[in-house]
Amino acid sequence: MSHPIASDAVHALLPALRATIREAAALALPFFKAGGQTGARVWSKSGGSPVTEADVAVDTFLKVRLSAMLPRAAWLSEETSDNPVRLEADLVWIVDPIDGTRAFMSGHPDWSIAVALLSGGQPVLGFVHAPVTDTFYEAAAGLGATRNGQTIAASDHAGVDGARVTGPKPMMDRLARGAGSAGTRADLVAVERVPSLALRVVRVAEGSIDVGLVSPNARDWDLAGADLILREAGGTVCDLKGHPTTYNRPDPVHGELVAVSRGLRDGVVAAMGQL
């Protein structure tokens, strides 16, 4: 029998979550060197992606604190071995302790801590914190989205032409070709790629980017918290058929996705050649 969390219980978690994520950021920041290489120890995971001692420290801290905050919630994170018990759980924490590890390692400010809570398979809390700039995005289902406490909304840009777009260049080229006419390319405004995927999505939510493109192999922990923030700001993360993203599947890996305002969704999806 399913026992999703009530909306008032979700709202009650917000202050403690803000404080906990700020404490987690304080563990990572001493290892960050703006414009230079991190002072943290670095090693490679299977598959070759890097991990630092800061990733592990933040992950361990959040697992202890969030599990104590909501003991019946299961856990899925980038730096913890997956436990299939999450598949049967009504509540699941989904965490990326440092989203944008390579940016963190190289002194680029665009890395973040991303946290989501799923209830009944849907995100009901989403947090994305950029510690370097002390920028805090958050959302609770049905309560809207904020940036540093101020309400945010996705762009109302009306068409693909002239849209501010960021993401992998091959996907941007496809969008430009697909949105053009008679062999011409749409005139996109290229925005420098944001290395933290969670930050890429929430910048669509705040309206500073119109379209965020996501290459294959993003994981639940990259997306779930930012996705709720974008939903609450009037947008969506969807696949190239326009289907919204789903979470907590046996394999938490995604194909190509777009993060976009609801008004631009159909045009972007059509331009990518999938409708």
Protein backbone atom coordinates (compact mmCIF):
# COMPACT_ATOMS: atom_id res chain seq x y z
CA MET A 1 0.00 0.00 0.00
CA SER A 2 1.36 3.40 -1.02
CA HIS A 3 1.80 6.13 1.58
CA PRO A 4 2.91 9.29 -0.26
CA ILE A 5 3.95 12.21 1.91
CA ALA A 6 1.36 14.92 2.60
CA SER A 7 1.94 18.42 1.23
CA ASP A 8 2.10 19.98 4.71
CA ALA A 9 4.79 17.47 5.71
CA VAL A 10 6.75 18.38 2.57
CA HIS A 11 6.53 22.06 3.42
CA ALA A 12 7.68 21.39 6.98
CA LEU A 13 10.93 19.88 5.67
CA LEU A 14 12.02 23.02 3.82
CA PRO A 15 13.85 24.94 6.58
CA ALA A 16 15.83 21.91 7.76
CA LEU A 17 16.73 21.00 4.18
CA ARG A 18 18.03 24.49 3.43
CA ALA A 19 20.22 24.40 6.52
CA THR A 20 21.48 20.89 5.79
CA ILE A 21 22.43 21.70 2.19
CA ARG A 22 24.31 24.80 3.32
CA GLU A 23 26.23 22.68 5.81
CA ALA A 24 27.05 20.26 3.00
CA ALA A 25 28.32 23.14 0.86
CA ALA A 26 30.62 24.20 3.70
CA LEU A 27 32.26 20.78 3.50
CA ALA A 28 33.03 21.17 -0.22
CA LEU A 29 34.03 24.82 -0.47
CA PRO A 30 37.44 24.52 1.25
CA PHE A 31 38.50 22.14 -1.56
CA PHE A 32 37.42 24.55 -4.33
CA LYS A 33 40.08 26.84 -5.81
CA ALA A 34 38.59 29.50 -8.09
CA GLY A 35 40.37 29.43 -11.44
CA GLY A 36 42.71 26.64 -10.32
CA GLN A 37 42.89 22.95 -9.60
CA THR A 38 41.13 21.58 -6.56
CA GLY A 39 43.05 20.73 -3.43
CA ALA A 40 40.94 17.59 -2.99
CA ARG A 41 42.19 14.08 -3.66
CA VAL A 42 40.87 12.82 -7.01
CA TRP A 43 40.43 9.32 -8.39
CA SER A 44 38.52 7.65 -11.24
CA LYS A 45 35.37 5.58 -10.92
CA SER A 46 34.59 2.63 -13.16
CA GLY A 47 33.87 4.12 -16.57
CA GLY A 48 36.54 6.78 -16.08
CA SER A 49 34.54 9.64 -14.58
CA PRO A 50 36.32 11.52 -11.79
CA VAL A 51 35.35 11.70 -8.14
CA THR A 52 36.92 13.78 -5.38
CA GLU A 53 37.06 13.47 -1.64
CA ALA A 54 34.66 16.43 -1.53
CA ASP A 55 32.03 14.45 -3.48
CA VAL A 56 32.32 11.59 -1.01
CA ALA A 57 32.27 13.84 2.06
CA VAL A 58 29.14 15.67 0.92
CA ASP A 59 27.42 12.43 -0.08
CA THR A 60 28.13 10.80 3.28
CA PHE A 61 26.98 13.85 5.21
CA LEU A 62 23.74 14.17 3.26
CA LYS A 63 22.94 10.48 3.51
CA VAL A 64 23.22 10.59 7.29
CA ARG A 65 21.31 13.83 7.72
CA LEU A 66 18.54 13.27 5.18
CA SER A 67 17.97 9.69 6.29
CA ALA A 68 17.57 10.91 9.86
CA MET A 69 15.19 13.63 8.69
CA LEU A 70 12.94 11.12 6.88
CA PRO A 71 13.85 7.58 7.98
CA ARG A 72 11.37 5.77 5.73
CA ALA A 73 12.81 7.29 2.55
CA ALA A 74 15.09 5.18 0.35
CA TRP A 75 18.25 6.59 -1.22
CA LEU A 76 19.74 7.05 -4.70
CA SER A 77 22.88 9.10 -5.27
CA GLU A 78 25.83 9.31 -7.60
CA GLU A 79 28.38 8.26 -4.99
CA THR A 80 26.51 5.49 -3.14
CA SER A 81 26.07 1.91 -4.38
CA ASP A 82 22.55 1.46 -5.67
CA ASN A 83 20.13 -0.49 -3.51
CA PRO A 84 17.10 -1.94 -5.36
CA VAL A 85 14.97 -1.42 -2.25
CA ARG A 86 14.36 2.08 -3.64
CA LEU A 87 12.20 0.61 -6.41
CA GLU A 88 9.52 -0.39 -3.91
CA ALA A 89 9.81 2.70 -1.72
CA ASP A 90 7.12 5.36 -1.53
CA LEU A 91 9.71 8.01 -0.66
CA VAL A 92 13.18 8.31 -2.23
CA TRP A 93 15.92 10.88 -1.75
CA ILE A 94 17.82 11.51 -5.01
CA VAL A 95 21.12 13.32 -4.50
CA ASP A 96 24.07 14.55 -6.51
CA PRO A 97 26.62 15.70 -3.92
CA ILE A 98 28.57 17.68 -6.51
CA ASP A 99 26.97 18.06 -9.91
CA GLY A 100 29.70 19.26 -12.23
CA THR A 101 32.67 17.54 -10.61
CA ARG A 102 34.99 18.48 -13.48
CA ALA A 103 34.03 22.14 -13.07
CA PHE A 104 34.66 21.86 -9.33
CA MET A 105 38.05 20.29 -9.98
CA SER A 106 39.15 22.96 -12.47
CA GLY A 107 38.02 26.03 -10.53
CA HIS A 108 34.91 26.82 -12.61
CA PRO A 109 32.11 28.24 -10.42
CA ASP A 110 29.24 26.36 -12.08
CA TRP A 111 28.95 23.28 -9.90
CA SER A 112 26.09 22.55 -7.54
CA ILE A 113 24.58 20.34 -4.88
CA ALA A 114 21.30 18.83 -6.11
CA VAL A 115 18.68 17.17 -3.90
CA ALA A 116 15.20 15.85 -4.69
CA LEU A 117 12.58 13.96 -2.75
CA LEU A 118 10.27 11.65 -4.69
CA SER A 119 6.86 10.73 -3.31
CA GLY A 120 4.83 8.15 -5.20
CA GLY A 121 7.38 8.31 -8.02
CA GLN A 122 7.15 12.08 -8.55
CA PRO A 123 9.48 14.82 -7.27
CA VAL A 124 7.82 16.83 -4.51
CA LEU A 125 10.90 18.71 -3.28
CA GLY A 126 13.75 20.05 -5.35
CA PHE A 127 16.89 21.95 -4.31
CA VAL A 128 19.84 23.11 -6.41
CA HIS A 129 22.48 25.10 -4.54
CA ALA A 130 25.44 26.78 -6.26
CA PRO A 131 27.86 27.27 -3.35
CA VAL A 132 30.38 29.55 -5.10
CA THR A 133 27.77 32.24 -5.76
CA ASP A 134 25.56 31.22 -2.80
CA THR A 135 22.61 30.88 -5.17
CA PHE A 136 19.80 28.68 -3.88
CA TYR A 137 17.02 27.38 -6.11
CA GLU A 138 14.16 25.44 -4.58
CA ALA A 139 10.65 24.19 -5.22
CA ALA A 140 7.94 22.20 -3.48
CA ALA A 141 5.19 20.64 -5.56
CA GLY A 142 2.32 23.07 -6.00
CA LEU A 143 4.11 25.93 -4.24
CA GLY A 144 6.09 27.47 -7.11
CA ALA A 145 9.85 27.89 -7.52
CA THR A 146 12.27 30.43 -6.07
CA ARG A 147 15.82 31.69 -6.47
CA ASN A 148 17.21 33.03 -3.21
CA GLY A 149 13.65 33.36 -1.95
CA GLN A 150 12.31 35.26 -4.98
CA THR A 151 9.73 33.68 -7.28
CA ILE A 152 11.08 32.66 -10.68
CA ALA A 153 9.39 31.83 -13.98
CA ALA A 154 10.52 30.28 -17.23
CA SER A 155 10.91 32.48 -20.29
CA ASP A 156 7.89 33.52 -22.34
CA HIS A 157 9.95 33.65 -25.54
CA ALA A 158 7.52 32.73 -28.31
CA GLY A 159 9.56 30.79 -30.88
CA VAL A 160 12.73 28.81 -31.49
CA ASP A 161 14.19 31.54 -33.67
CA GLY A 162 16.11 33.94 -31.43
CA ALA A 163 15.94 31.60 -28.43
CA ARG A 164 18.85 31.51 -25.98
CA VAL A 165 20.10 27.94 -26.10
CA THR A 166 22.81 26.00 -24.30
CA GLY A 167 23.98 22.40 -24.46
CA PRO A 168 26.05 20.08 -26.64
CA LYS A 169 26.95 21.63 -30.02
CA PRO A 170 25.65 18.71 -32.12
CA MET A 171 22.23 19.05 -30.50
CA MET A 172 22.27 22.82 -30.97
CA ASP A 173 23.08 22.33 -34.66
CA ARG A 174 20.16 19.90 -35.02
CA LEU A 175 17.82 22.39 -33.36
CA ALA A 176 18.98 25.21 -35.64
CA ARG A 177 18.54 23.08 -38.77
CA GLY A 178 15.19 21.67 -37.67
CA ALA A 179 13.75 25.05 -36.75
CA GLY A 180 14.86 26.65 -40.01
CA SER A 181 12.96 26.68 -43.29
CA ALA A 182 13.87 25.97 -46.92
CA GLY A 183 17.40 24.90 -46.05
CA THR A 184 18.10 27.81 -43.72
CA ARG A 185 19.04 27.59 -40.05
CA ALA A 186 17.14 29.21 -37.22
CA ASP A 187 18.97 32.09 -35.58
CA LEU A 188 19.74 30.75 -32.11
CA VAL A 189 21.53 32.74 -29.42
CA ALA A 190 24.23 30.39 -28.15
CA VAL A 191 24.80 30.54 -24.39
CA GLU A 192 28.05 29.19 -22.95
CA ARG A 193 27.52 25.59 -21.89
CA VAL A 194 26.77 25.19 -18.18
CA PRO A 195 28.84 22.28 -16.83
CA SER A 196 26.43 21.44 -14.01
CA LEU A 197 23.35 19.91 -15.62
CA ALA A 198 21.21 20.82 -12.62
CA LEU A 199 22.25 24.47 -13.00
CA ARG A 200 21.56 24.31 -16.74
CA VAL A 201 17.98 23.27 -16.02
CA VAL A 202 17.32 25.80 -13.25
CA ARG A 203 18.62 28.61 -15.43
CA VAL A 204 15.82 27.69 -17.82
CA ALA A 205 13.52 27.86 -14.79
CA GLU A 206 14.70 31.38 -13.89
CA GLY A 207 14.31 32.55 -17.50
CA SER A 208 17.95 33.40 -18.25
CA ILE A 209 18.09 30.53 -20.78
CA ASP A 210 15.21 29.55 -23.08
CA VAL A 211 16.29 26.02 -24.02
CA GLY A 212 18.68 23.65 -22.27
CA LEU A 213 19.72 20.60 -24.30
CA VAL A 214 20.78 17.42 -22.54
CA SER A 215 22.89 14.71 -24.17
CA PRO A 216 22.28 11.00 -23.47
CA ASN A 217 23.36 9.32 -20.22
CA ALA A 218 22.20 11.92 -17.73
CA ARG A 219 21.18 10.28 -14.45
CA ASP A 220 18.26 10.81 -12.09
CA TRP A 221 20.51 12.66 -9.64
CA ASP A 222 21.50 15.21 -12.31
CA LEU A 223 17.89 16.05 -13.07
CA ALA A 224 15.21 15.28 -10.49
CA GLY A 225 15.56 18.32 -8.21
CA ALA A 226 16.09 20.76 -11.07
CA ASP A 227 13.20 19.22 -13.01
CA LEU A 228 10.73 20.01 -10.23
CA ILE A 229 12.05 23.57 -10.01
CA LEU A 230 11.48 23.96 -13.75
CA ARG A 231 8.01 22.39 -13.57
CA GLU A 232 7.02 24.80 -10.84
CA ALA A 233 8.43 27.71 -12.87
CA GLY A 234 6.33 26.86 -15.93
CA GLY A 235 8.54 24.49 -17.88
CA THR A 236 9.40 20.86 -18.34
CA VAL A 237 12.22 18.40 -18.86
CA CYS A 238 11.06 16.04 -21.60
CA ASP A 239 12.35 13.57 -24.15
CA LEU A 240 12.38 14.22 -27.88
CA LYS A 241 8.82 12.96 -28.19
CA GLY A 242 7.60 15.46 -25.64
CA HIS A 243 7.14 12.93 -22.84
CA PRO A 244 7.98 14.19 -19.33
CA THR A 245 10.93 12.63 -17.55
CA THR A 246 10.28 9.74 -15.16
CA TYR A 247 12.42 8.80 -12.18
CA ASN A 248 13.35 5.88 -9.93
CA ARG A 249 13.38 3.27 -12.67
CA PRO A 250 15.63 0.20 -12.39
CA ASP A 251 18.17 1.93 -14.66
CA PRO A 252 18.19 5.65 -13.75
CA VAL A 253 19.78 6.69 -17.06
CA HIS A 254 18.12 8.97 -19.62
CA GLY A 255 18.36 9.57 -23.36
CA GLU A 256 18.41 12.94 -25.08
CA LEU A 257 16.28 15.51 -23.28
CA VAL A 258 15.29 19.16 -23.51
CA ALA A 259 14.64 21.58 -20.67
CA VAL A 260 12.27 24.23 -21.93
CA SER A 261 9.31 26.44 -21.09
CA ARG A 262 5.93 24.88 -21.79
CA GLY A 263 5.29 27.44 -24.53
CA LEU A 264 8.44 26.44 -26.43
CA ARG A 265 8.22 22.70 -25.85
CA ASP A 266 6.28 21.68 -28.95
CA GLY A 267 8.37 23.86 -31.26
CA VAL A 268 11.65 22.59 -29.86
CA VAL A 269 10.57 18.94 -29.94
CA ALA A 270 9.29 19.28 -33.52
CA ALA A 271 12.51 20.98 -34.58
CA MET A 272 14.57 18.12 -33.17
CA GLY A 273 12.79 15.91 -35.69
CA GLN A 274 10.84 13.59 -33.39
CA LEU A 275 7.19 14.55 -33.97
